[in-house]
Amino acid sequence: YADSVKGRFTISRDNAKNTVYLQMNSLKP
């Protein structure tokens, strides 16, 4: 993770679906 998003964003993937996700919490301007 980039330092600016550590602790707020989470990346995950579903290999069976060839899909990657980015959960973004506590979003800032």
PDB file of all heavy atoms in Angstrom:
ATOM      1  N   TYR A   1       0.818  -1.200   0.000  1.00  0.00           N
ATOM      2  CA  TYR A   1       0.000   0.000   0.000  1.00  0.00           C
ATOM      3  C   TYR A   1       0.849   1.246   0.000  1.00  0.00           C
ATOM      4  O   TYR A   1       1.932   1.283   0.589  1.00  0.00           O
ATOM      5  CB  TYR A   1      -0.903   0.051   1.234  1.00  0.00           C
ATOM      6  CG  TYR A   1      -1.918  -1.050   1.314  1.00  0.00           C
ATOM      7  CD1 TYR A   1      -1.638  -2.230   1.998  1.00  0.00           C
ATOM      8  CD2 TYR A   1      -3.167  -0.916   0.717  1.00  0.00           C
ATOM      9  CE1 TYR A   1      -2.572  -3.244   2.077  1.00  0.00           C
ATOM     10  CE2 TYR A   1      -4.108  -1.926   0.794  1.00  0.00           C
ATOM     11  CZ  TYR A   1      -3.803  -3.090   1.477  1.00  0.00           C
ATOM     12  OH  TYR A   1      -4.737  -4.096   1.555  1.00  0.00           O
ATOM     13  N   ALA A   2       0.334   2.270  -0.639  1.00  0.00           N
ATOM     14  CA  ALA A   2       0.932   3.581  -0.506  1.00  0.00           C
ATOM     15  C   ALA A   2       0.774   4.053   0.933  1.00  0.00           C
ATOM     16  O   ALA A   2      -0.227   3.754   1.592  1.00  0.00           O
ATOM     17  CB  ALA A   2       0.264   4.573  -1.454  1.00  0.00           C
ATOM     18  N   ASP A   3       1.754   4.787   1.416  1.00  0.00           N
ATOM     19  CA  ASP A   3       1.708   5.251   2.798  1.00  0.00           C
ATOM     20  C   ASP A   3       0.448   6.064   3.091  1.00  0.00           C
ATOM     21  O   ASP A   3      -0.094   6.005   4.197  1.00  0.00           O
ATOM     22  CB  ASP A   3       2.942   6.088   3.117  1.00  0.00           C
ATOM     23  CG  ASP A   3       4.206   5.263   3.195  1.00  0.00           C
ATOM     24  OD1 ASP A   3       4.113   4.032   3.383  1.00  0.00           O
ATOM     25  OD2 ASP A   3       5.302   5.846   3.083  1.00  0.00           O
ATOM     26  N   SER A   4      -0.014   6.800   2.121  1.00  0.00           N
ATOM     27  CA  SER A   4      -1.146   7.684   2.327  1.00  0.00           C
ATOM     28  C   SER A   4      -2.470   6.951   2.543  1.00  0.00           C
ATOM     29  O   SER A   4      -3.435   7.558   3.018  1.00  0.00           O
ATOM     30  CB  SER A   4      -1.291   8.641   1.141  1.00  0.00           C
ATOM     31  OG  SER A   4      -1.480   7.925  -0.063  1.00  0.00           O
ATOM     32  N   VAL A   5      -2.513   5.669   2.207  1.00  0.00           N
ATOM     33  CA  VAL A   5      -3.772   4.932   2.336  1.00  0.00           C
ATOM     34  C   VAL A   5      -3.687   3.782   3.323  1.00  0.00           C
ATOM     35  O   VAL A   5      -4.702   3.114   3.567  1.00  0.00           O
ATOM     36  CB  VAL A   5      -4.265   4.401   0.975  1.00  0.00           C
ATOM     37  CG1 VAL A   5      -4.350   5.532  -0.037  1.00  0.00           C
ATOM     38  CG2 VAL A   5      -3.361   3.282   0.464  1.00  0.00           C
ATOM     39  N   LYS A   6      -2.537   3.547   3.889  1.00  0.00           N
ATOM     40  CA  LYS A   6      -2.379   2.454   4.844  1.00  0.00           C
ATOM     41  C   LYS A   6      -3.321   2.637   6.028  1.00  0.00           C
ATOM     42  O   LYS A   6      -3.437   3.723   6.585  1.00  0.00           O
ATOM     43  CB  LYS A   6      -0.936   2.377   5.333  1.00  0.00           C
ATOM     44  CG  LYS A   6       0.034   1.827   4.310  1.00  0.00           C
ATOM     45  CD  LYS A   6       1.449   1.752   4.873  1.00  0.00           C
ATOM     46  CE  LYS A   6       2.418   1.177   3.857  1.00  0.00           C
ATOM     47  NZ  LYS A   6       3.811   1.154   4.367  1.00  0.00           N
ATOM     48  N   GLY A   7      -3.983   1.562   6.369  1.00  0.00           N
ATOM     49  CA  GLY A   7      -4.926   1.604   7.470  1.00  0.00           C
ATOM     50  C   GLY A   7      -6.321   2.018   7.064  1.00  0.00           C
ATOM     51  O   GLY A   7      -7.264   1.876   7.856  1.00  0.00           O
ATOM     52  N   ARG A   8      -6.476   2.534   5.855  1.00  0.00           N
ATOM     53  CA  ARG A   8      -7.788   2.972   5.384  1.00  0.00           C
ATOM     54  C   ARG A   8      -8.298   2.143   4.204  1.00  0.00           C
ATOM     55  O   ARG A   8      -9.488   1.881   4.101  1.00  0.00           O
ATOM     56  CB  ARG A   8      -7.751   4.442   4.973  1.00  0.00           C
ATOM     57  CG  ARG A   8      -7.390   5.389   6.107  1.00  0.00           C
ATOM     58  CD  ARG A   8      -7.569   6.842   5.689  1.00  0.00           C
ATOM     59  NE  ARG A   8      -6.689   7.210   4.583  1.00  0.00           N
ATOM     60  CZ  ARG A   8      -7.102   7.648   3.398  1.00  0.00           C
ATOM     61  NH1 ARG A   8      -8.411   7.778   3.164  1.00  0.00           N
ATOM     62  NH2 ARG A   8      -6.233   7.974   2.460  1.00  0.00           N
ATOM     63  N   PHE A   9      -7.392   1.757   3.321  1.00  0.00           N
ATOM     64  CA  PHE A   9      -7.769   1.004   2.126  1.00  0.00           C
ATOM     65  C   PHE A   9      -7.351  -0.452   2.269  1.00  0.00           C
ATOM     66  O   PHE A   9      -6.327  -0.767   2.889  1.00  0.00           O
ATOM     67  CB  PHE A   9      -7.092   1.568   0.882  1.00  0.00           C
ATOM     68  CG  PHE A   9      -7.571   2.934   0.462  1.00  0.00           C
ATOM     69  CD1 PHE A   9      -8.418   3.689   1.251  1.00  0.00           C
ATOM     70  CD2 PHE A   9      -7.149   3.459  -0.751  1.00  0.00           C
ATOM     71  CE1 PHE A   9      -8.848   4.942   0.862  1.00  0.00           C
ATOM     72  CE2 PHE A   9      -7.574   4.716  -1.164  1.00  0.00           C
ATOM     73  CZ  PHE A   9      -8.418   5.456  -0.354  1.00  0.00           C
ATOM     74  N   THR A  10      -8.115  -1.329   1.655  1.00  0.00           N
ATOM     75  CA  THR A  10      -7.797  -2.742   1.639  1.00  0.00           C
ATOM     76  C   THR A  10      -7.989  -3.293   0.236  1.00  0.00           C
ATOM     77  O   THR A  10      -9.059  -3.146  -0.350  1.00  0.00           O
ATOM     78  CB  THR A  10      -8.681  -3.540   2.613  1.00  0.00           C
ATOM     79  OG1 THR A  10      -8.533  -3.019   3.938  1.00  0.00           O
ATOM     80  CG2 THR A  10      -8.275  -5.013   2.611  1.00  0.00           C
ATOM     81  N   ILE A  11      -6.959  -3.921  -0.282  1.00  0.00           N
ATOM     82  CA  ILE A  11      -7.052  -4.549  -1.589  1.00  0.00           C
ATOM     83  C   ILE A  11      -7.261  -6.046  -1.407  1.00  0.00           C
ATOM     84  O   ILE A  11      -6.692  -6.656  -0.496  1.00  0.00           O
ATOM     85  CB  ILE A  11      -5.802  -4.262  -2.446  1.00  0.00           C
ATOM     86  CG1 ILE A  11      -6.005  -4.750  -3.885  1.00  0.00           C
ATOM     87  CG2 ILE A  11      -4.551  -4.877  -1.836  1.00  0.00           C
ATOM     88  CD1 ILE A  11      -4.910  -4.297  -4.845  1.00  0.00           C
ATOM     89  N   SER A  12      -8.074  -6.627  -2.247  1.00  0.00           N
ATOM     90  CA  SER A  12      -8.322  -8.060  -2.208  1.00  0.00           C
ATOM     91  C   SER A  12      -8.610  -8.541  -3.624  1.00  0.00           C
ATOM     92  O   SER A  12      -8.836  -7.732  -4.528  1.00  0.00           O
ATOM     93  CB  SER A  12      -9.482  -8.398  -1.266  1.00  0.00           C
ATOM     94  OG  SER A  12     -10.681  -7.784  -1.700  1.00  0.00           O
ATOM     95  N   ARG A  13      -8.608  -9.840  -3.800  1.00  0.00           N
ATOM     96  CA  ARG A  13      -8.876 -10.373  -5.128  1.00  0.00           C
ATOM     97  C   ARG A  13      -9.588 -11.711  -5.040  1.00  0.00           C
ATOM     98  O   ARG A  13      -9.465 -12.444  -4.053  1.00  0.00           O
ATOM     99  CB  ARG A  13      -7.581 -10.513  -5.940  1.00  0.00           C
ATOM    100  CG  ARG A  13      -6.580 -11.511  -5.380  1.00  0.00           C
ATOM    101  CD  ARG A  13      -5.235 -11.407  -6.091  1.00  0.00           C
ATOM    102  NE  ARG A  13      -5.298 -11.914  -7.459  1.00  0.00           N
ATOM    103  CZ  ARG A  13      -4.292 -11.859  -8.338  1.00  0.00           C
ATOM    104  NH1 ARG A  13      -3.145 -11.274  -7.983  1.00  0.00           N
ATOM    105  NH2 ARG A  13      -4.421 -12.349  -9.553  1.00  0.00           N
ATOM    106  N   ASP A  14     -10.319 -12.006  -6.075  1.00  0.00           N
ATOM    107  CA  ASP A  14     -10.982 -13.287  -6.245  1.00  0.00           C
ATOM    108  C   ASP A  14     -10.405 -13.883  -7.516  1.00  0.00           C
ATOM    109  O   ASP A  14     -10.800 -13.516  -8.623  1.00  0.00           O
ATOM    110  CB  ASP A  14     -12.491 -13.115  -6.347  1.00  0.00           C
ATOM    111  CG  ASP A  14     -13.231 -14.434  -6.402  1.00  0.00           C
ATOM    112  OD1 ASP A  14     -12.643 -15.446  -6.814  1.00  0.00           O
ATOM    113  OD2 ASP A  14     -14.421 -14.453  -6.025  1.00  0.00           O
ATOM    114  N   ASN A  15      -9.473 -14.784  -7.362  1.00  0.00           N
ATOM    115  CA  ASN A  15      -8.771 -15.329  -8.518  1.00  0.00           C
ATOM    116  C   ASN A  15      -9.702 -16.107  -9.449  1.00  0.00           C
ATOM    117  O   ASN A  15      -9.503 -16.117 -10.664  1.00  0.00           O
ATOM    118  CB  ASN A  15      -7.621 -16.228  -8.060  1.00  0.00           C
ATOM    119  CG  ASN A  15      -6.504 -15.450  -7.399  1.00  0.00           C
ATOM    120  OD1 ASN A  15      -6.280 -14.274  -7.720  1.00  0.00           O
ATOM    121  ND2 ASN A  15      -5.792 -16.080  -6.483  1.00  0.00           N
ATOM    122  N   ALA A  16     -10.695 -16.756  -8.885  1.00  0.00           N
ATOM    123  CA  ALA A  16     -11.628 -17.523  -9.697  1.00  0.00           C
ATOM    124  C   ALA A  16     -12.445 -16.630 -10.613  1.00  0.00           C
ATOM    125  O   ALA A  16     -12.898 -17.058 -11.674  1.00  0.00           O
ATOM    126  CB  ALA A  16     -12.552 -18.351  -8.812  1.00  0.00           C
ATOM    127  N   LYS A  17     -12.639 -15.386 -10.208  1.00  0.00           N
ATOM    128  CA  LYS A  17     -13.427 -14.446 -10.990  1.00  0.00           C
ATOM    129  C   LYS A  17     -12.573 -13.402 -11.701  1.00  0.00           C
ATOM    130  O   LYS A  17     -13.115 -12.499 -12.335  1.00  0.00           O
ATOM    131  CB  LYS A  17     -14.439 -13.742 -10.097  1.00  0.00           C
ATOM    132  CG  LYS A  17     -15.471 -14.669  -9.476  1.00  0.00           C
ATOM    133  CD  LYS A  17     -16.462 -13.892  -8.619  1.00  0.00           C
ATOM    134  CE  LYS A  17     -17.516 -14.810  -8.043  1.00  0.00           C
ATOM    135  NZ  LYS A  17     -18.489 -14.065  -7.196  1.00  0.00           N
ATOM    136  N   ASN A  18     -11.265 -13.526 -11.586  1.00  0.00           N
ATOM    137  CA  ASN A  18     -10.347 -12.556 -12.188  1.00  0.00           C
ATOM    138  C   ASN A  18     -10.714 -11.131 -11.782  1.00  0.00           C
ATOM    139  O   ASN A  18     -10.718 -10.211 -12.605  1.00  0.00           O
ATOM    140  CB  ASN A  18     -10.338 -12.679 -13.712  1.00  0.00           C
ATOM    141  CG  ASN A  18      -9.651 -13.941 -14.186  1.00  0.00           C
ATOM    142  OD1 ASN A  18      -8.836 -14.524 -13.481  1.00  0.00           O
ATOM    143  ND2 ASN A  18      -9.967 -14.368 -15.401  1.00  0.00           N
ATOM    144  N   THR A  19     -11.000 -10.968 -10.520  1.00  0.00           N
ATOM    145  CA  THR A  19     -11.489  -9.695 -10.015  1.00  0.00           C
ATOM    146  C   THR A  19     -10.629  -9.196  -8.866  1.00  0.00           C
ATOM    147  O   THR A  19     -10.220  -9.976  -8.001  1.00  0.00           O
ATOM    148  CB  THR A  19     -12.943  -9.819  -9.545  1.00  0.00           C
ATOM    149  OG1 THR A  19     -13.760 -10.249 -10.638  1.00  0.00           O
ATOM    150  CG2 THR A  19     -13.466  -8.490  -9.038  1.00  0.00           C
ATOM    151  N   VAL A  20     -10.367  -7.908  -8.867  1.00  0.00           N
ATOM    152  CA  VAL A  20      -9.654  -7.268  -7.771  1.00  0.00           C
ATOM    153  C   VAL A  20     -10.544  -6.164  -7.215  1.00  0.00           C
ATOM    154  O   VAL A  20     -11.272  -5.498  -7.957  1.00  0.00           O
ATOM    155  CB  VAL A  20      -8.288  -6.717  -8.224  1.00  0.00           C
ATOM    156  CG1 VAL A  20      -8.445  -5.636  -9.284  1.00  0.00           C
ATOM    157  CG2 VAL A  20      -7.493  -6.201  -7.031  1.00  0.00           C
ATOM    158  N   TYR A  21     -10.488  -5.984  -5.904  1.00  0.00           N
ATOM    159  CA  TYR A  21     -11.310  -5.004  -5.223  1.00  0.00           C
ATOM    160  C   TYR A  21     -10.427  -4.028  -4.459  1.00  0.00           C
ATOM    161  O   TYR A  21      -9.318  -4.352  -4.052  1.00  0.00           O
ATOM    162  CB  TYR A  21     -12.257  -5.665  -4.227  1.00  0.00           C
ATOM    163  CG  TYR A  21     -13.119  -6.752  -4.813  1.00  0.00           C
ATOM    164  CD1 TYR A  21     -12.721  -8.086  -4.765  1.00  0.00           C
ATOM    165  CD2 TYR A  21     -14.341  -6.452  -5.412  1.00  0.00           C
ATOM    166  CE1 TYR A  21     -13.512  -9.084  -5.293  1.00  0.00           C
ATOM    167  CE2 TYR A  21     -15.133  -7.453  -5.946  1.00  0.00           C
ATOM    168  CZ  TYR A  21     -14.720  -8.763  -5.888  1.00  0.00           C
ATOM    169  OH  TYR A  21     -15.514  -9.750  -6.422  1.00  0.00           O
ATOM    170  N   LEU A  22     -10.952  -2.860  -4.252  1.00  0.00           N
ATOM    171  CA  LEU A  22     -10.313  -1.892  -3.381  1.00  0.00           C
ATOM    172  C   LEU A  22     -11.378  -1.322  -2.456  1.00  0.00           C
ATOM    173  O   LEU A  22     -12.242  -0.564  -2.891  1.00  0.00           O
ATOM    174  CB  LEU A  22      -9.648  -0.766  -4.171  1.00  0.00           C
ATOM    175  CG  LEU A  22      -8.851   0.233  -3.327  1.00  0.00           C
ATOM    176  CD1 LEU A  22      -7.628  -0.444  -2.702  1.00  0.00           C
ATOM    177  CD2 LEU A  22      -8.420   1.430  -4.163  1.00  0.00           C
ATOM    178  N   GLN A  23     -11.311  -1.727  -1.201  1.00  0.00           N
ATOM    179  CA  GLN A  23     -12.207  -1.184  -0.197  1.00  0.00           C
ATOM    180  C   GLN A  23     -11.583   0.080   0.362  1.00  0.00           C
ATOM    181  O   GLN A  23     -10.476   0.039   0.901  1.00  0.00           O
ATOM    182  CB  GLN A  23     -12.439  -2.201   0.927  1.00  0.00           C
ATOM    183  CG  GLN A  23     -13.342  -1.706   2.044  1.00  0.00           C
ATOM    184  CD  GLN A  23     -14.761  -1.473   1.594  1.00  0.00           C
ATOM    185  OE1 GLN A  23     -15.322  -2.291   0.881  1.00  0.00           O
ATOM    186  NE2 GLN A  23     -15.345  -0.353   1.995  1.00  0.00           N
ATOM    187  N   MET A  24     -12.276   1.179   0.239  1.00  0.00           N
ATOM    188  CA  MET A  24     -11.760   2.467   0.662  1.00  0.00           C
ATOM    189  C   MET A  24     -12.626   2.998   1.791  1.00  0.00           C
ATOM    190  O   MET A  24     -13.801   3.313   1.583  1.00  0.00           O
ATOM    191  CB  MET A  24     -11.737   3.449  -0.510  1.00  0.00           C
ATOM    192  CG  MET A  24     -10.938   2.952  -1.711  1.00  0.00           C
ATOM    193  SD  MET A  24     -10.824   4.188  -3.040  1.00  0.00           S
ATOM    194  CE  MET A  24     -12.543   4.255  -3.544  1.00  0.00           C
ATOM    195  N   ASN A  25     -12.047   3.090   2.963  1.00  0.00           N
ATOM    196  CA  ASN A  25     -12.736   3.603   4.135  1.00  0.00           C
ATOM    197  C   ASN A  25     -12.135   4.932   4.562  1.00  0.00           C
ATOM    198  O   ASN A  25     -11.017   5.269   4.197  1.00  0.00           O
ATOM    199  CB  ASN A  25     -12.653   2.603   5.289  1.00  0.00           C
ATOM    200  CG  ASN A  25     -13.305   1.283   4.983  1.00  0.00           C
ATOM    201  OD1 ASN A  25     -14.301   1.219   4.254  1.00  0.00           O
ATOM    202  ND2 ASN A  25     -12.765   0.204   5.544  1.00  0.00           N
ATOM    203  N   SER A  26     -12.887   5.650   5.364  1.00  0.00           N
ATOM    204  CA  SER A  26     -12.425   6.936   5.886  1.00  0.00           C
ATOM    205  C   SER A  26     -11.871   7.823   4.787  1.00  0.00           C
ATOM    206  O   SER A  26     -10.776   8.388   4.901  1.00  0.00           O
ATOM    207  CB  SER A  26     -11.372   6.712   6.980  1.00  0.00           C
ATOM    208  OG  SER A  26     -11.882   5.934   8.032  1.00  0.00           O
ATOM    209  N   LEU A  27     -12.620   7.947   3.736  1.00  0.00           N
ATOM    210  CA  LEU A  27     -12.157   8.697   2.577  1.00  0.00           C
ATOM    211  C   LEU A  27     -11.935  10.166   2.909  1.00  0.00           C
ATOM    212  O   LEU A  27     -12.670  10.767   3.698  1.00  0.00           O
ATOM    213  CB  LEU A  27     -13.142   8.562   1.429  1.00  0.00           C
ATOM    214  CG  LEU A  27     -13.061   7.231   0.683  1.00  0.00           C
ATOM    215  CD1 LEU A  27     -14.313   7.000  -0.149  1.00  0.00           C
ATOM    216  CD2 LEU A  27     -11.823   7.200  -0.204  1.00  0.00           C
ATOM    217  N   LYS A  28     -10.918  10.717   2.289  1.00  0.00           N
ATOM    218  CA  LYS A  28     -10.546  12.110   2.466  1.00  0.00           C
ATOM    219  C   LYS A  28     -10.627  12.838   1.132  1.00  0.00           C
ATOM    220  O   LYS A  28     -10.510  12.213   0.076  1.00  0.00           O
ATOM    221  CB  LYS A  28      -9.114  12.212   3.007  1.00  0.00           C
ATOM    222  CG  LYS A  28      -8.854  11.459   4.295  1.00  0.00           C
ATOM    223  CD  LYS A  28      -7.379  11.526   4.664  1.00  0.00           C
ATOM    224  CE  LYS A  28      -7.090  10.771   5.941  1.00  0.00           C
ATOM    225  NZ  LYS A  28      -5.642  10.823   6.296  1.00  0.00           N
ATOM    226  N   PRO A  29     -10.804  14.141   1.154  1.00  0.00           N
ATOM    227  CA  PRO A  29     -10.784  14.894  -0.106  1.00  0.00           C
ATOM    228  C   PRO A  29      -9.520  14.655  -0.923  1.00  0.00           C
ATOM    229  O   PRO A  29      -9.577  14.687  -2.153  1.00  0.00           O
ATOM    230  CB  PRO A  29     -10.891  16.351   0.360  1.00  0.00           C
ATOM    231  CG  PRO A  29     -11.644  16.270   1.641  1.00  0.00           C
ATOM    232  CD  PRO A  29     -11.156  14.999   2.296  1.00  0.00           C
TER     233      PRO A  29
END
